[in-house]
Amino acid sequence: MSLGLLVGRFAAFLNEQPTTFFDSTPSEAAFPTDLERLREQFGHHIVLLTLLSRSDGDAVIQEREVILHHCLERAHNSGEPATASEAAELGDYLRDLRPTTAQLGPSIRRLERGTKEEVIAVVTAAIALVDADGARRPREVEFLADLKRELHALEEAEAVHA
């Protein structure tokens, strides 16, 4: 299975999540200009993970912390770690963020252009996110675990052929 197909399955999974709690228009909170470099790097991760966290009604603090940790780790791994003030500002921003399902398509398209490592990182964060609030939905957990296994299998198959 290709990386694009696996990302497509992740998109379909997010599309299947209840949308009752999603706003019909994006949240009024604009992405802080001080965080523009972080938005450029992984704003699409934030949208995808926040949509998943809000699919059960609200992004509780534990879920927001998973998203924040994911973003800070990605920034650190890129060689451009976030400052303490950037981390605090991003945490504040995540508290009020309410992306719409209309933002899903552009975010998935950007993820499709990413690396396997990036996709694995997003899926790993999604797994941590569904576990964060203590209300595990077995279907979510099973789907994400299967997706992560398939991503690792794809990575291993490509390493053998390299």
C-alpha atoms as a PDB file:
ATOM      1  CA  MET A   1       0.000   0.000   0.000  1.00  0.00           C
ATOM      2  CA  SER A   2       1.335   3.458  -0.834  1.00  0.00           C
ATOM      3  CA  LEU A   3       1.815   6.346   1.558  1.00  0.00           C
ATOM      4  CA  GLY A   4      -0.840   8.318  -0.327  1.00  0.00           C
ATOM      5  CA  LEU A   5      -3.403   5.542   0.169  1.00  0.00           C
ATOM      6  CA  LEU A   6      -2.618   5.326   3.870  1.00  0.00           C
ATOM      7  CA  VAL A   7      -3.010   9.093   4.279  1.00  0.00           C
ATOM      8  CA  GLY A   8      -6.274   8.792   2.320  1.00  0.00           C
ATOM      9  CA  ARG A   9      -7.504   6.197   4.806  1.00  0.00           C
ATOM     10  CA  PHE A  10      -6.627   8.571   7.645  1.00  0.00           C
ATOM     11  CA  ALA A  11      -8.611  11.327   5.891  1.00  0.00           C
ATOM     12  CA  ALA A  12     -11.608   9.022   5.480  1.00  0.00           C
ATOM     13  CA  PHE A  13     -11.374   8.124   9.170  1.00  0.00           C
ATOM     14  CA  LEU A  14     -11.398  11.801  10.168  1.00  0.00           C
ATOM     15  CA  ASN A  15     -14.316  12.460   7.803  1.00  0.00           C
ATOM     16  CA  GLU A  16     -16.284   9.701   9.534  1.00  0.00           C
ATOM     17  CA  GLN A  17     -15.943  11.337  12.943  1.00  0.00           C
ATOM     18  CA  PRO A  18     -19.065  13.024  14.308  1.00  0.00           C
ATOM     19  CA  THR A  19     -19.291  16.614  13.106  1.00  0.00           C
ATOM     20  CA  THR A  20     -22.003  17.680  15.515  1.00  0.00           C
ATOM     21  CA  PHE A  21     -19.501  19.628  17.552  1.00  0.00           C
ATOM     22  CA  PHE A  22     -17.652  21.345  14.707  1.00  0.00           C
ATOM     23  CA  ASP A  23     -18.312  24.969  13.921  1.00  0.00           C
ATOM     24  CA  SER A  24     -19.557  25.771  10.445  1.00  0.00           C
ATOM     25  CA  THR A  25     -16.993  28.543  10.161  1.00  0.00           C
ATOM     26  CA  PRO A  26     -13.390  28.541  11.333  1.00  0.00           C
ATOM     27  CA  SER A  27     -12.696  29.915  14.777  1.00  0.00           C
ATOM     28  CA  GLU A  28     -12.282  33.631  14.960  1.00  0.00           C
ATOM     29  CA  ALA A  29      -8.885  33.289  16.603  1.00  0.00           C
ATOM     30  CA  ALA A  30      -6.280  34.047  13.978  1.00  0.00           C
ATOM     31  CA  PHE A  31      -3.055  32.117  14.153  1.00  0.00           C
ATOM     32  CA  PRO A  32      -0.693  34.326  16.175  1.00  0.00           C
ATOM     33  CA  THR A  33       1.736  36.148  13.895  1.00  0.00           C
ATOM     34  CA  ASP A  34       4.567  35.364  16.322  1.00  0.00           C
ATOM     35  CA  LEU A  35       4.011  31.673  15.533  1.00  0.00           C
ATOM     36  CA  GLU A  36       4.008  31.941  11.746  1.00  0.00           C
ATOM     37  CA  ARG A  37       7.088  29.738  11.355  1.00  0.00           C
ATOM     38  CA  LEU A  38       5.439  27.014  13.426  1.00  0.00           C
ATOM     39  CA  ARG A  39       2.230  27.269  11.389  1.00  0.00           C
ATOM     40  CA  GLU A  40       4.260  26.888   8.206  1.00  0.00           C
ATOM     41  CA  GLN A  41       5.864  23.723   9.557  1.00  0.00           C
ATOM     42  CA  PHE A  42       2.894  21.889  11.001  1.00  0.00           C
ATOM     43  CA  GLY A  43      -0.278  23.960  10.998  1.00  0.00           C
ATOM     44  CA  HIS A  44      -1.869  21.103   9.069  1.00  0.00           C
ATOM     45  CA  HIS A  45      -1.012  18.712  11.923  1.00  0.00           C
ATOM     46  CA  ILE A  46      -2.775  21.067  14.329  1.00  0.00           C
ATOM     47  CA  VAL A  47      -5.949  21.078  12.215  1.00  0.00           C
ATOM     48  CA  LEU A  48      -6.017  17.285  11.827  1.00  0.00           C
ATOM     49  CA  LEU A  49      -5.345  16.543  15.476  1.00  0.00           C
ATOM     50  CA  THR A  50      -7.733  19.217  16.744  1.00  0.00           C
ATOM     51  CA  LEU A  51     -10.535  17.911  14.513  1.00  0.00           C
ATOM     52  CA  LEU A  52      -9.967  14.465  15.995  1.00  0.00           C
ATOM     53  CA  SER A  53      -9.852  15.792  19.560  1.00  0.00           C
ATOM     54  CA  ARG A  54     -13.069  17.772  19.119  1.00  0.00           C
ATOM     55  CA  SER A  55     -14.970  14.888  17.490  1.00  0.00           C
ATOM     56  CA  ASP A  56     -16.274  13.839  20.898  1.00  0.00           C
ATOM     57  CA  GLY A  57     -17.440  17.303  21.871  1.00  0.00           C
ATOM     58  CA  ASP A  58     -14.520  19.149  23.367  1.00  0.00           C
ATOM     59  CA  ALA A  59     -10.746  19.221  23.347  1.00  0.00           C
ATOM     60  CA  VAL A  60      -9.932  18.582  26.983  1.00  0.00           C
ATOM     61  CA  ILE A  61      -6.685  19.869  28.418  1.00  0.00           C
ATOM     62  CA  GLN A  62      -4.993  16.444  28.170  1.00  0.00           C
ATOM     63  CA  GLU A  63      -5.757  16.312  24.433  1.00  0.00           C
ATOM     64  CA  ARG A  64      -4.490  19.851  23.892  1.00  0.00           C
ATOM     65  CA  GLU A  65      -1.311  18.907  25.736  1.00  0.00           C
ATOM     66  CA  VAL A  66      -0.781  15.985  23.339  1.00  0.00           C
ATOM     67  CA  ILE A  67      -1.147  18.339  20.373  1.00  0.00           C
ATOM     68  CA  LEU A  68       1.161  20.907  21.957  1.00  0.00           C
ATOM     69  CA  HIS A  69       3.769  18.251  22.791  1.00  0.00           C
ATOM     70  CA  HIS A  70       3.591  16.918  19.230  1.00  0.00           C
ATOM     71  CA  CYS A  71       4.164  20.409  17.805  1.00  0.00           C
ATOM     72  CA  LEU A  72       7.012  21.204  20.169  1.00  0.00           C
ATOM     73  CA  GLU A  73       8.667  17.871  19.428  1.00  0.00           C
ATOM     74  CA  ARG A  74       8.336  18.435  15.673  1.00  0.00           C
ATOM     75  CA  ALA A  75       9.870  21.899  16.022  1.00  0.00           C
ATOM     76  CA  HIS A  76      12.734  20.483  18.098  1.00  0.00           C
ATOM     77  CA  ASN A  77      13.344  17.662  15.617  1.00  0.00           C
ATOM     78  CA  SER A  78      13.482  20.165  12.762  1.00  0.00           C
ATOM     79  CA  GLY A  79      16.416  21.894  14.435  1.00  0.00           C
ATOM     80  CA  GLU A  80      14.372  24.995  15.232  1.00  0.00           C
ATOM     81  CA  PRO A  81      12.927  24.420  18.711  1.00  0.00           C
ATOM     82  CA  ALA A  82      10.132  26.639  19.921  1.00  0.00           C
ATOM     83  CA  THR A  83      10.950  29.212  22.546  1.00  0.00           C
ATOM     84  CA  ALA A  84       9.169  29.183  25.894  1.00  0.00           C
ATOM     85  CA  SER A  85       7.037  32.144  24.812  1.00  0.00           C
ATOM     86  CA  GLU A  86       6.120  30.398  21.524  1.00  0.00           C
ATOM     87  CA  ALA A  87       5.143  27.271  23.447  1.00  0.00           C
ATOM     88  CA  ALA A  88       2.952  29.292  25.812  1.00  0.00           C
ATOM     89  CA  GLU A  89       1.325  31.208  22.959  1.00  0.00           C
ATOM     90  CA  LEU A  90       0.664  28.008  21.006  1.00  0.00           C
ATOM     91  CA  GLY A  91      -0.917  26.449  24.103  1.00  0.00           C
ATOM     92  CA  ASP A  92      -3.218  29.454  24.445  1.00  0.00           C
ATOM     93  CA  TYR A  93      -4.128  29.269  20.762  1.00  0.00           C
ATOM     94  CA  LEU A  94      -4.978  25.563  20.958  1.00  0.00           C
ATOM     95  CA  ARG A  95      -7.406  26.214  23.824  1.00  0.00           C
ATOM     96  CA  ASP A  96      -9.775  28.152  21.573  1.00  0.00           C
ATOM     97  CA  LEU A  97      -9.119  26.543  18.190  1.00  0.00           C
ATOM     98  CA  ARG A  98     -12.177  25.100  16.480  1.00  0.00           C
ATOM     99  CA  PRO A  99     -11.245  24.070  12.944  1.00  0.00           C
ATOM    100  CA  THR A 100     -13.932  23.048  10.487  1.00  0.00           C
ATOM    101  CA  THR A 101     -14.175  19.970   8.336  1.00  0.00           C
ATOM    102  CA  ALA A 102     -13.571  22.321   5.365  1.00  0.00           C
ATOM    103  CA  GLN A 103      -9.998  22.631   6.625  1.00  0.00           C
ATOM    104  CA  LEU A 104      -9.566  18.859   6.506  1.00  0.00           C
ATOM    105  CA  GLY A 105      -8.972  18.625   2.738  1.00  0.00           C
ATOM    106  CA  PRO A 106      -6.120  21.141   2.520  1.00  0.00           C
ATOM    107  CA  SER A 107      -4.505  19.680   5.635  1.00  0.00           C
ATOM    108  CA  ILE A 108      -4.662  16.128   4.272  1.00  0.00           C
ATOM    109  CA  ARG A 109      -3.274  17.235   0.888  1.00  0.00           C
ATOM    110  CA  ARG A 110      -0.332  18.809   2.664  1.00  0.00           C
ATOM    111  CA  LEU A 111       0.223  15.661   4.738  1.00  0.00           C
ATOM    112  CA  GLU A 112       0.142  13.582   1.543  1.00  0.00           C
ATOM    113  CA  ARG A 113       3.167  15.559   0.346  1.00  0.00           C
ATOM    114  CA  GLY A 114       4.976  14.826   3.605  1.00  0.00           C
ATOM    115  CA  THR A 115       7.405  12.087   4.467  1.00  0.00           C
ATOM    116  CA  LYS A 116       6.566   8.711   5.979  1.00  0.00           C
ATOM    117  CA  GLU A 117       8.212   9.920   9.181  1.00  0.00           C
ATOM    118  CA  GLU A 118       5.857  12.902   9.286  1.00  0.00           C
ATOM    119  CA  VAL A 119       2.771  10.747   8.694  1.00  0.00           C
ATOM    120  CA  ILE A 120       3.895   8.264  11.359  1.00  0.00           C
ATOM    121  CA  ALA A 121       4.398  11.174  13.791  1.00  0.00           C
ATOM    122  CA  VAL A 122       0.857  12.459  13.144  1.00  0.00           C
ATOM    123  CA  VAL A 123      -0.661   8.989  13.549  1.00  0.00           C
ATOM    124  CA  THR A 124       1.365   8.438  16.729  1.00  0.00           C
ATOM    125  CA  ALA A 125       0.073  11.754  18.085  1.00  0.00           C
ATOM    126  CA  ALA A 126      -3.475  10.749  17.085  1.00  0.00           C
ATOM    127  CA  ILE A 127      -3.122   7.520  19.067  1.00  0.00           C
ATOM    128  CA  ALA A 128      -1.891   9.446  22.109  1.00  0.00           C
ATOM    129  CA  LEU A 129      -4.727  11.908  21.620  1.00  0.00           C
ATOM    130  CA  VAL A 130      -7.507   9.293  21.644  1.00  0.00           C
ATOM    131  CA  ASP A 131      -5.989   7.835  24.823  1.00  0.00           C
ATOM    132  CA  ALA A 132      -5.504  11.217  26.529  1.00  0.00           C
ATOM    133  CA  ASP A 133      -8.987  11.839  27.872  1.00  0.00           C
ATOM    134  CA  GLY A 134      -9.464   8.312  29.200  1.00  0.00           C
ATOM    135  CA  ALA A 135     -12.549   7.759  27.024  1.00  0.00           C
ATOM    136  CA  ARG A 136     -11.145   5.256  24.539  1.00  0.00           C
ATOM    137  CA  ARG A 137     -13.360   4.397  21.631  1.00  0.00           C
ATOM    138  CA  PRO A 138     -12.237   0.917  20.545  1.00  0.00           C
ATOM    139  CA  ARG A 139     -12.835   1.570  16.842  1.00  0.00           C
ATOM    140  CA  GLU A 140     -10.561   4.642  16.908  1.00  0.00           C
ATOM    141  CA  VAL A 141      -7.827   2.838  18.801  1.00  0.00           C
ATOM    142  CA  GLU A 142      -7.958  -0.203  16.504  1.00  0.00           C
ATOM    143  CA  PHE A 143      -8.007   1.841  13.296  1.00  0.00           C
ATOM    144  CA  LEU A 144      -5.080   4.052  14.326  1.00  0.00           C
ATOM    145  CA  ALA A 145      -3.018   1.089  15.572  1.00  0.00           C
ATOM    146  CA  ASP A 146      -3.625  -0.730  12.263  1.00  0.00           C
ATOM    147  CA  LEU A 147      -2.692   2.385  10.296  1.00  0.00           C
ATOM    148  CA  LYS A 148       0.530   2.793  12.254  1.00  0.00           C
ATOM    149  CA  ARG A 149       1.439  -0.881  11.658  1.00  0.00           C
ATOM    150  CA  GLU A 150       0.810  -0.450   7.936  1.00  0.00           C
ATOM    151  CA  LEU A 151       2.969   2.683   7.838  1.00  0.00           C
ATOM    152  CA  HIS A 152       5.820   0.836   9.561  1.00  0.00           C
ATOM    153  CA  ALA A 153       5.390  -2.110   7.175  1.00  0.00           C
ATOM    154  CA  LEU A 154       5.598   0.278   4.217  1.00  0.00           C
ATOM    155  CA  GLU A 155       8.729   1.827   5.702  1.00  0.00           C
ATOM    156  CA  GLU A 156      10.326  -1.605   6.185  1.00  0.00           C
ATOM    157  CA  ALA A 157       9.405  -2.752   2.666  1.00  0.00           C
ATOM    158  CA  GLU A 158      10.950   0.353   1.167  1.00  0.00           C
ATOM    159  CA  ALA A 159      14.113  -0.127   3.254  1.00  0.00           C
ATOM    160  CA  VAL A 160      14.465  -3.676   1.879  1.00  0.00           C
ATOM    161  CA  HIS A 161      14.136  -2.406  -1.709  1.00  0.00           C
ATOM    162  CA  ALA A 162      16.595   0.440  -1.186  1.00  0.00           C
END
